[in-house]
Amino acid sequence: MSNHDDIGIIGVAPEAPARTAPEFDWTKEIVLERLAEGIKIVHRTAGRTGPRAFGNGMPTFLVFLDEELGKGYHESEPVRLPPSARQIKLAEEACEWPARFVADLRVREALHIWMAAKALRRPWQKLAEQRGWAKETAKRYRERAIYQVVTGLSAACIPVDRGKR
């Protein structure tokens, strides 16, 4: 007697590999985190150009405050490092997800409003109300868009990048 499990039976299709590996387990939380981080990076790197207002263009330097604080120093402002090429690549990929996986324009618009609010650091429901959306409708459409992105990423077998960004 032969064991058909090792060889396979003619006429029976082999089982497809399972797509539930941990590297393809997209969740709502992971998608929201990647979208928020992505839009912030894109906004910071491709946002406004030029100075915001009158200000100082000098680099950060150490200010000595011997007279006021005794001996010691104080760093004036932290330096914001530009994002790495990998961070920019991941951000651009995340910003393409709504166009790729959300077909309904109204649902996609709700997600875009949420992303704009994250980039501008404003409450997204107020931004949605300013655009003429009811709060509950905006919530429902945003949740639908996120669900479509999660299922689209899982169906496309795009691995979750859980490494350091």
Foldseek 3Di string as FASTA:
>chain_A
DDDCVVPPDPPDDDDDDDLPPQQLQDDLVLLVVLLLLLLQLCCVVVNDDDDPDDDDPDDWDWDADCPPPNGDIDTDDDDDDRDDPVSNVSSVVSVCLLVVQPDDPVLSVLLVLVNVCSNVVHPSQVSCVVVPDDSVVSVVSPVVSSVRSSVVSSVVSPTRPPDDD
